[in-house]
């Protein structure tokens, strides 16, 4: 089984406070993240995190509120290596191992 450790960094000022809701044990905000294990952007990020949107908002093509970025910081080594795109060299990025992780 592939295991991936992901670091998430968000800009708290971008949170739409109307989307925070009360739950039984606290206040919650639903988030969505997309992670691309095959590519990193110029800053080393593998994806982004945004506030979740409803089905109706998606169908109405409402803009997402992007809160920040995600970065793969650890793998157990079983994540398949990406194949390079035509004409592009393969990016070599060694996973950051953390022996303190419980798995």
C-alpha atoms as a PDB file:
ATOM      1  CA  UNK A   1       0.000   0.000   0.000  1.00  0.00           C
ATOM      2  CA  UNK A   2       1.336   3.428  -0.924  1.00  0.00           C
ATOM      3  CA  UNK A   3       1.598   5.942   1.902  1.00  0.00           C
ATOM      4  CA  UNK A   4       2.259   9.626   1.334  1.00  0.00           C
ATOM      5  CA  UNK A   5       2.886  12.384   3.859  1.00  0.00           C
ATOM      6  CA  UNK A   6       1.557  15.738   2.708  1.00  0.00           C
ATOM      7  CA  UNK A   7       2.235  19.178   4.126  1.00  0.00           C
ATOM      8  CA  UNK A   8      -0.566  21.736   3.735  1.00  0.00           C
ATOM      9  CA  UNK A   9      -0.113  25.490   4.059  1.00  0.00           C
ATOM     10  CA  UNK A  10      -3.118  27.827   3.853  1.00  0.00           C
ATOM     11  CA  UNK A  11      -3.637  31.574   3.970  1.00  0.00           C
ATOM     12  CA  UNK A  12      -6.064  32.065   6.867  1.00  0.00           C
ATOM     13  CA  UNK A  13      -7.089  35.508   5.565  1.00  0.00           C
ATOM     14  CA  UNK A  14      -8.647  33.877   2.488  1.00  0.00           C
ATOM     15  CA  UNK A  15     -11.084  31.700   4.459  1.00  0.00           C
ATOM     16  CA  UNK A  16     -14.708  32.643   3.873  1.00  0.00           C
ATOM     17  CA  UNK A  17     -15.938  32.639   7.466  1.00  0.00           C
ATOM     18  CA  UNK A  18     -19.506  31.935   6.280  1.00  0.00           C
ATOM     19  CA  UNK A  19     -18.279  28.435   5.353  1.00  0.00           C
ATOM     20  CA  UNK A  20     -17.205  27.641   8.922  1.00  0.00           C
ATOM     21  CA  UNK A  21     -19.893  25.602  10.645  1.00  0.00           C
ATOM     22  CA  UNK A  22     -20.524  24.363  14.174  1.00  0.00           C
ATOM     23  CA  UNK A  23     -20.216  20.655  14.783  1.00  0.00           C
ATOM     24  CA  UNK A  24     -20.650  18.574  17.918  1.00  0.00           C
ATOM     25  CA  UNK A  25     -17.005  18.924  18.902  1.00  0.00           C
ATOM     26  CA  UNK A  26     -16.008  22.271  17.436  1.00  0.00           C
ATOM     27  CA  UNK A  27     -15.991  24.561  14.429  1.00  0.00           C
ATOM     28  CA  UNK A  28     -15.271  23.032  11.024  1.00  0.00           C
ATOM     29  CA  UNK A  29     -14.314  24.087   7.515  1.00  0.00           C
ATOM     30  CA  UNK A  30     -14.553  21.647   4.611  1.00  0.00           C
ATOM     31  CA  UNK A  31     -11.524  21.710   2.339  1.00  0.00           C
ATOM     32  CA  UNK A  32     -10.629  20.016  -0.928  1.00  0.00           C
ATOM     33  CA  UNK A  33      -7.116  19.227  -2.069  1.00  0.00           C
ATOM     34  CA  UNK A  34      -5.688  17.951  -5.326  1.00  0.00           C
ATOM     35  CA  UNK A  35      -2.258  16.312  -5.319  1.00  0.00           C
ATOM     36  CA  UNK A  36      -0.251  15.463  -8.417  1.00  0.00           C
ATOM     37  CA  UNK A  37       2.495  12.998  -7.517  1.00  0.00           C
ATOM     38  CA  UNK A  38       3.915  13.269 -11.046  1.00  0.00           C
ATOM     39  CA  UNK A  39       4.816  16.947 -11.092  1.00  0.00           C
ATOM     40  CA  UNK A  40       5.905  19.831  -8.896  1.00  0.00           C
ATOM     41  CA  UNK A  41       5.532  23.510  -9.618  1.00  0.00           C
ATOM     42  CA  UNK A  42       8.403  25.987  -9.530  1.00  0.00           C
ATOM     43  CA  UNK A  43       8.115  26.190  -5.723  1.00  0.00           C
ATOM     44  CA  UNK A  44       8.119  22.422  -5.129  1.00  0.00           C
ATOM     45  CA  UNK A  45       4.351  22.152  -4.562  1.00  0.00           C
ATOM     46  CA  UNK A  46       2.417  19.116  -5.741  1.00  0.00           C
ATOM     47  CA  UNK A  47      -1.037  20.673  -5.641  1.00  0.00           C
ATOM     48  CA  UNK A  48      -3.411  23.050  -3.928  1.00  0.00           C
ATOM     49  CA  UNK A  49      -6.057  23.267  -1.246  1.00  0.00           C
ATOM     50  CA  UNK A  50      -9.334  25.133  -1.627  1.00  0.00           C
ATOM     51  CA  UNK A  51     -12.565  25.581   0.265  1.00  0.00           C
ATOM     52  CA  UNK A  52     -15.007  22.853  -0.674  1.00  0.00           C
ATOM     53  CA  UNK A  53     -17.921  23.839  -2.876  1.00  0.00           C
ATOM     54  CA  UNK A  54     -21.393  22.355  -3.115  1.00  0.00           C
ATOM     55  CA  UNK A  55     -22.688  20.424  -6.104  1.00  0.00           C
ATOM     56  CA  UNK A  56     -24.842  23.422  -7.014  1.00  0.00           C
ATOM     57  CA  UNK A  57     -21.837  25.759  -6.881  1.00  0.00           C
ATOM     58  CA  UNK A  58     -19.826  23.402  -9.106  1.00  0.00           C
ATOM     59  CA  UNK A  59     -22.666  23.158 -11.611  1.00  0.00           C
ATOM     60  CA  UNK A  60     -22.997  26.956 -11.635  1.00  0.00           C
ATOM     61  CA  UNK A  61     -19.232  27.121 -12.333  1.00  0.00           C
ATOM     62  CA  UNK A  62     -18.636  29.379  -9.331  1.00  0.00           C
ATOM     63  CA  UNK A  63     -14.982  30.177  -8.718  1.00  0.00           C
ATOM     64  CA  UNK A  64     -13.117  28.223  -6.058  1.00  0.00           C
ATOM     65  CA  UNK A  65     -11.386  29.998  -3.211  1.00  0.00           C
ATOM     66  CA  UNK A  66      -7.800  28.771  -3.262  1.00  0.00           C
ATOM     67  CA  UNK A  67      -6.341  28.825   0.233  1.00  0.00           C
ATOM     68  CA  UNK A  68      -2.864  27.479  -0.300  1.00  0.00           C
ATOM     69  CA  UNK A  69      -0.592  24.725  -1.510  1.00  0.00           C
ATOM     70  CA  UNK A  70       0.245  21.120  -0.713  1.00  0.00           C
ATOM     71  CA  UNK A  71       3.596  19.415  -0.930  1.00  0.00           C
ATOM     72  CA  UNK A  72       4.499  15.745  -0.670  1.00  0.00           C
ATOM     73  CA  UNK A  73       7.074  15.552   2.125  1.00  0.00           C
ATOM     74  CA  UNK A  74       7.314  11.796   2.694  1.00  0.00           C
ATOM     75  CA  UNK A  75       6.514   8.505   0.996  1.00  0.00           C
ATOM     76  CA  UNK A  76       7.074   4.907   1.986  1.00  0.00           C
ATOM     77  CA  UNK A  77       8.692   4.377  -1.397  1.00  0.00           C
ATOM     78  CA  UNK A  78       5.851   2.431  -2.999  1.00  0.00           C
ATOM     79  CA  UNK A  79       4.442   5.396  -4.903  1.00  0.00           C
ATOM     80  CA  UNK A  80       5.153   4.663  -8.571  1.00  0.00           C
ATOM     81  CA  UNK A  81       7.684   6.964 -10.193  1.00  0.00           C
ATOM     82  CA  UNK A  82       6.189   9.221 -12.854  1.00  0.00           C
ATOM     83  CA  UNK A  83       7.119   8.762 -16.464  1.00  0.00           C
ATOM     84  CA  UNK A  84       8.618  11.835 -18.104  1.00  0.00           C
ATOM     85  CA  UNK A  85       6.565  13.713 -20.652  1.00  0.00           C
ATOM     86  CA  UNK A  86       7.817  13.660 -24.220  1.00  0.00           C
ATOM     87  CA  UNK A  87      10.822  15.909 -24.593  1.00  0.00           C
ATOM     88  CA  UNK A  88      11.128  16.671 -20.871  1.00  0.00           C
ATOM     89  CA  UNK A  89      13.795  15.293 -18.534  1.00  0.00           C
ATOM     90  CA  UNK A  90      12.697  13.278 -15.532  1.00  0.00           C
ATOM     91  CA  UNK A  91      12.732  15.357 -12.335  1.00  0.00           C
ATOM     92  CA  UNK A  92      14.657  13.639  -9.580  1.00  0.00           C
ATOM     93  CA  UNK A  93      13.292  14.421  -6.150  1.00  0.00           C
ATOM     94  CA  UNK A  94      14.130  12.213  -3.228  1.00  0.00           C
ATOM     95  CA  UNK A  95      11.361  11.741  -0.664  1.00  0.00           C
ATOM     96  CA  UNK A  96      12.018  13.173   2.755  1.00  0.00           C
ATOM     97  CA  UNK A  97      11.999  10.274   5.217  1.00  0.00           C
ATOM     98  CA  UNK A  98      10.817  10.948   8.749  1.00  0.00           C
ATOM     99  CA  UNK A  99      11.480   8.123  11.200  1.00  0.00           C
ATOM    100  CA  UNK A 100       9.185   9.766  13.764  1.00  0.00           C
ATOM    101  CA  UNK A 101       6.055   8.906  11.744  1.00  0.00           C
ATOM    102  CA  UNK A 102       3.962   6.111  13.302  1.00  0.00           C
ATOM    103  CA  UNK A 103       3.484   4.224  10.020  1.00  0.00           C
END
